[in-house]
Amino acid sequence: MGQRINTPVPPARQPLRAPGQLPPALSAELIVGDQSGAIHIWDLKTDHNEQLIPEPEVSVNSVHIDPDGRRSPARCAPAASNGNCYVWNLTGGIGEEVTQLIPKTKIPAHNRYALQCKFSPDSTLLATCSADQTCKIWRTSNFSLMTELSIKSNNPGETSRGWMWDCAFSGDSQYIVTASSDNLARLWCVETGEIKREYSGHQKAVVCLAFNDSVLG
């Protein structure tokens, strides 16, 4: 479920400051995925780099860290062009200990490109978006499928409405907004999969979004 690479990686170009001189707020990790299929985890304080390759030559299109900072171990999820989403535990990272990526599970989420993955704010759900015209929502307790949100047409003459590019959960994890190639953003109920509202007006594909509902409630 992952190939660890020990080959030294050149240090990051133009570091913010010399290793060991970052302010406390930046004593953290940067996780980066690339088109070769490699995941790099950079320690921003020491400039140390670890690599893990889920599947060689399978592009990593998205990576997200579980927002629940109280959870131990923390979790990280990359989504790849073969439709898979991987979930890894982040261990270590205390004091001088190097943070490591420990494979936990592989979700065969889609039969086409997986484009995006996002943990819900309450960490109980993981959403994946794909070129197969769906956004799927998985329970993080056992990574079983909870809800499939689809923009596939029921009209036999309409072959495709395009890709599901991006998604974002509401702050209470009860709703999710998706961006898709048919020029629409949609608000869905996570539990039922019901479309609550469609946002139109774009002349081309909606490929990214952000959802700020912090003022509600």
Protein backbone atom coordinates (compact mmCIF):
# COMPACT_ATOMS: atom_id res chain seq x y z
CA MET A 1 0.00 0.00 0.00
CA GLY A 2 3.05 2.21 -0.08
CA GLN A 3 6.69 2.12 -1.12
CA ARG A 4 9.05 4.02 1.16
CA ILE A 5 11.94 5.69 -0.62
CA ASN A 6 15.17 6.44 1.22
CA THR A 7 16.91 8.28 -1.62
CA PRO A 8 18.04 11.72 -0.36
CA VAL A 9 15.97 14.58 -1.67
CA PRO A 10 17.49 18.01 -2.33
CA PRO A 11 16.53 20.55 0.33
CA ALA A 12 13.71 22.94 -0.39
CA ARG A 13 14.71 25.99 -2.39
CA GLN A 14 14.61 29.36 -0.70
CA PRO A 15 13.66 28.20 2.83
CA LEU A 16 11.80 30.75 4.92
CA ARG A 17 14.66 30.73 7.41
CA ALA A 18 17.57 28.49 8.24
CA PRO A 19 16.53 25.12 9.76
CA GLY A 20 15.84 25.46 13.46
CA GLN A 21 15.01 29.16 13.20
CA LEU A 22 11.37 28.99 12.25
CA PRO A 23 8.92 30.60 14.66
CA PRO A 24 6.99 28.12 16.83
CA ALA A 25 3.84 28.51 14.73
CA LEU A 26 5.72 27.08 11.73
CA SER A 27 7.15 24.07 13.56
CA ALA A 28 5.00 21.75 11.51
CA GLU A 29 4.92 19.59 8.39
CA LEU A 30 4.25 20.30 4.74
CA ILE A 31 2.86 17.34 2.78
CA VAL A 32 3.22 17.50 -1.00
CA GLY A 33 2.07 15.11 -3.75
CA ASP A 34 3.40 15.04 -7.31
CA GLN A 35 2.67 13.53 -10.71
CA SER A 36 5.24 10.76 -10.28
CA GLY A 37 3.13 9.33 -7.47
CA ALA A 38 5.40 10.41 -4.63
CA ILE A 39 4.27 11.98 -1.36
CA HIS A 40 6.87 14.15 0.37
CA ILE A 41 6.55 15.20 3.99
CA TRP A 42 8.75 18.16 4.89
CA ASP A 43 9.59 19.12 8.44
CA LEU A 44 9.48 22.92 8.28
CA LYS A 45 11.74 23.26 11.28
CA THR A 46 14.56 20.90 10.30
CA ASP A 47 14.06 20.75 6.50
CA HIS A 48 14.06 16.94 6.78
CA ASN A 49 12.18 15.10 4.01
CA GLU A 50 10.46 11.71 4.01
CA GLN A 51 8.95 10.07 0.92
CA LEU A 52 6.28 7.46 0.37
CA ILE A 53 4.97 6.23 -2.98
CA PRO A 54 1.49 4.64 -2.81
CA GLU A 55 1.70 3.36 -6.39
CA PRO A 56 4.55 4.30 -8.77
CA GLU A 57 3.72 6.58 -11.71
CA VAL A 58 0.17 7.20 -10.47
CA SER A 59 -0.28 10.95 -10.14
CA VAL A 60 -1.31 12.30 -6.73
CA ASN A 61 -4.01 14.89 -7.41
CA SER A 62 -4.97 15.93 -3.90
CA VAL A 63 -3.91 15.52 -0.29
CA HIS A 64 -5.72 16.51 2.89
CA ILE A 65 -4.95 16.29 6.61
CA ASP A 66 -7.66 15.44 9.13
CA PRO A 67 -8.58 18.81 10.70
CA ASP A 68 -9.19 17.29 14.16
CA GLY A 69 -5.93 18.19 15.89
CA ARG A 70 -7.02 16.32 19.02
CA ARG A 71 -7.03 12.98 17.26
CA SER A 72 -4.01 10.73 17.79
CA PRO A 73 -2.55 9.60 15.53
CA ALA A 74 -3.38 12.28 12.98
CA ARG A 75 -4.53 11.14 9.54
CA CYS A 76 -3.62 12.13 6.00
CA ALA A 77 -5.47 11.20 2.80
CA PRO A 78 -4.10 11.51 -0.75
CA ALA A 79 -6.26 10.90 -3.86
CA ALA A 80 -4.72 9.52 -7.04
CA SER A 81 -5.38 9.41 -10.77
CA ASN A 82 -6.19 5.67 -10.69
CA GLY A 83 -9.29 6.44 -8.61
CA ASN A 84 -7.87 5.26 -5.29
CA CYS A 85 -7.80 7.22 -2.05
CA TYR A 86 -5.26 6.25 0.58
CA VAL A 87 -5.46 6.90 4.31
CA TRP A 88 -2.27 7.11 6.35
CA ASN A 89 -1.57 7.74 10.00
CA LEU A 90 0.96 10.41 10.92
CA THR A 91 3.15 9.23 13.78
CA GLY A 92 6.08 10.78 15.61
CA GLY A 93 6.82 14.46 15.20
CA ILE A 94 7.37 15.02 18.93
CA GLY A 95 10.54 16.83 19.90
CA GLU A 96 13.31 15.74 17.55
CA GLU A 97 11.37 12.67 16.35
CA VAL A 98 10.68 12.63 12.61
CA THR A 99 7.05 12.42 11.50
CA GLN A 100 6.33 9.27 9.50
CA LEU A 101 3.50 8.22 7.20
CA ILE A 102 2.09 4.82 8.16
CA PRO A 103 -0.32 3.28 5.58
CA LYS A 104 -3.72 2.48 7.13
CA THR A 105 -6.05 1.61 4.26
CA LYS A 106 -6.65 2.00 0.54
CA ILE A 107 -10.12 2.92 -0.69
CA PRO A 108 -10.93 1.91 -4.31
CA ALA A 109 -13.10 5.00 -4.46
CA HIS A 110 -13.67 5.58 -8.18
CA ASN A 111 -13.23 3.93 -11.56
CA ARG A 112 -11.76 7.10 -13.06
CA TYR A 113 -9.46 9.88 -11.82
CA ALA A 114 -9.85 10.83 -8.17
CA LEU A 115 -9.48 14.61 -8.22
CA GLN A 116 -10.06 15.73 -4.64
CA CYS A 117 -10.40 14.37 -1.10
CA LYS A 118 -11.52 16.18 2.04
CA PHE A 119 -12.07 15.17 5.67
CA SER A 120 -15.15 16.66 7.31
CA PRO A 121 -14.60 19.18 10.12
CA ASP A 122 -15.77 16.62 12.72
CA SER A 123 -13.42 13.98 11.20
CA THR A 124 -16.20 11.38 10.87
CA LEU A 125 -16.39 11.57 7.06
CA LEU A 126 -14.09 11.62 4.04
CA ALA A 127 -15.28 12.93 0.67
CA THR A 128 -13.72 12.06 -2.68
CA CYS A 129 -14.45 13.74 -6.04
CA SER A 130 -13.85 12.16 -9.41
CA ALA A 131 -13.96 12.31 -13.18
CA ASP A 132 -16.67 9.63 -12.98
CA GLN A 133 -19.24 12.40 -12.23
CA THR A 134 -19.59 11.51 -8.55
CA CYS A 135 -18.60 12.71 -5.12
CA LYS A 136 -18.56 9.87 -2.61
CA ILE A 137 -18.73 10.25 1.16
CA TRP A 138 -17.04 7.61 3.31
CA ARG A 139 -17.37 6.90 7.03
CA THR A 140 -13.95 7.22 8.66
CA SER A 141 -14.90 4.71 11.36
CA ASN A 142 -14.53 1.84 8.89
CA PHE A 143 -14.17 3.62 5.49
CA SER A 144 -17.44 2.21 4.18
CA LEU A 145 -19.46 4.18 1.64
CA MET A 146 -22.15 6.34 3.22
CA THR A 147 -23.50 8.45 0.35
CA GLU A 148 -22.87 8.81 -3.37
CA LEU A 149 -23.60 12.21 -4.89
CA SER A 150 -23.98 11.96 -8.66
CA ILE A 151 -24.50 14.41 -11.51
CA LYS A 152 -24.95 11.61 -14.06
CA SER A 153 -27.85 12.36 -16.39
CA ASN A 154 -30.93 10.16 -16.68
CA ASN A 155 -31.34 11.40 -20.24
CA PRO A 156 -30.12 8.70 -22.67
CA GLY A 157 -29.09 11.36 -25.14
CA GLU A 158 -26.80 13.12 -22.66
CA THR A 159 -23.60 11.12 -22.24
CA SER A 160 -21.84 13.15 -19.56
CA ARG A 161 -22.12 16.30 -17.49
CA GLY A 162 -18.41 16.31 -16.83
CA TRP A 163 -16.22 15.90 -13.79
CA MET A 164 -16.75 16.56 -10.09
CA TRP A 165 -13.73 18.77 -9.46
CA ASP A 166 -13.89 19.92 -5.86
CA CYS A 167 -15.93 19.82 -2.66
CA ALA A 168 -16.16 21.47 0.75
CA PHE A 169 -18.04 20.49 3.91
CA SER A 170 -20.12 22.87 6.00
CA GLY A 171 -18.79 23.62 9.47
CA ASP A 172 -21.26 21.21 11.09
CA SER A 173 -20.38 18.41 8.58
CA GLN A 174 -24.08 18.08 7.65
CA TYR A 175 -23.80 19.57 4.17
CA ILE A 176 -21.30 19.54 1.33
CA VAL A 177 -20.84 21.80 -1.71
CA THR A 178 -19.48 20.41 -4.98
CA ALA A 179 -17.98 22.01 -8.09
CA SER A 180 -18.49 20.37 -11.48
CA SER A 181 -17.88 20.69 -15.20
CA ASP A 182 -21.53 21.47 -15.99
CA ASN A 183 -20.98 25.06 -14.75
CA LEU A 184 -22.77 24.46 -11.43
CA ALA A 185 -21.96 24.40 -7.74
CA ARG A 186 -24.40 22.30 -5.70
CA LEU A 187 -25.29 22.16 -2.03
CA TRP A 188 -26.12 18.62 -0.86
CA CYS A 189 -27.38 17.03 2.32
CA VAL A 190 -24.62 14.64 3.39
CA GLU A 191 -26.93 12.07 4.97
CA THR A 192 -29.60 11.81 2.28
CA GLY A 193 -27.71 12.89 -0.84
CA GLU A 194 -30.47 15.38 -1.64
CA ILE A 195 -29.58 18.50 -3.62
CA LYS A 196 -30.64 21.49 -1.54
CA ARG A 197 -29.60 24.22 -3.94
CA GLU A 198 -27.83 24.77 -7.25
CA TYR A 199 -25.67 27.82 -7.90
CA SER A 200 -25.59 28.83 -11.57
CA GLY A 201 -24.23 31.71 -13.61
CA HIS A 202 -20.79 30.45 -14.61
CA GLN A 203 -20.14 30.14 -18.33
CA LYS A 204 -17.51 27.43 -17.96
CA ALA A 205 -16.71 24.55 -15.65
CA VAL A 206 -16.69 25.25 -11.91
CA VAL A 207 -13.39 23.69 -10.83
CA CYS A 208 -12.76 24.94 -7.29
CA LEU A 209 -14.60 26.39 -4.33
CA ALA A 210 -14.39 27.35 -0.66
CA PHE A 211 -17.23 27.27 1.84
CA ASN A 212 -17.24 29.73 4.76
CA ASP A 213 -20.23 29.27 7.04
CA SER A 214 -18.53 30.42 10.24
CA VAL A 215 -21.05 33.27 10.60
CA LEU A 216 -23.99 30.87 10.80
CA GLY A 217 -25.51 29.77 14.09
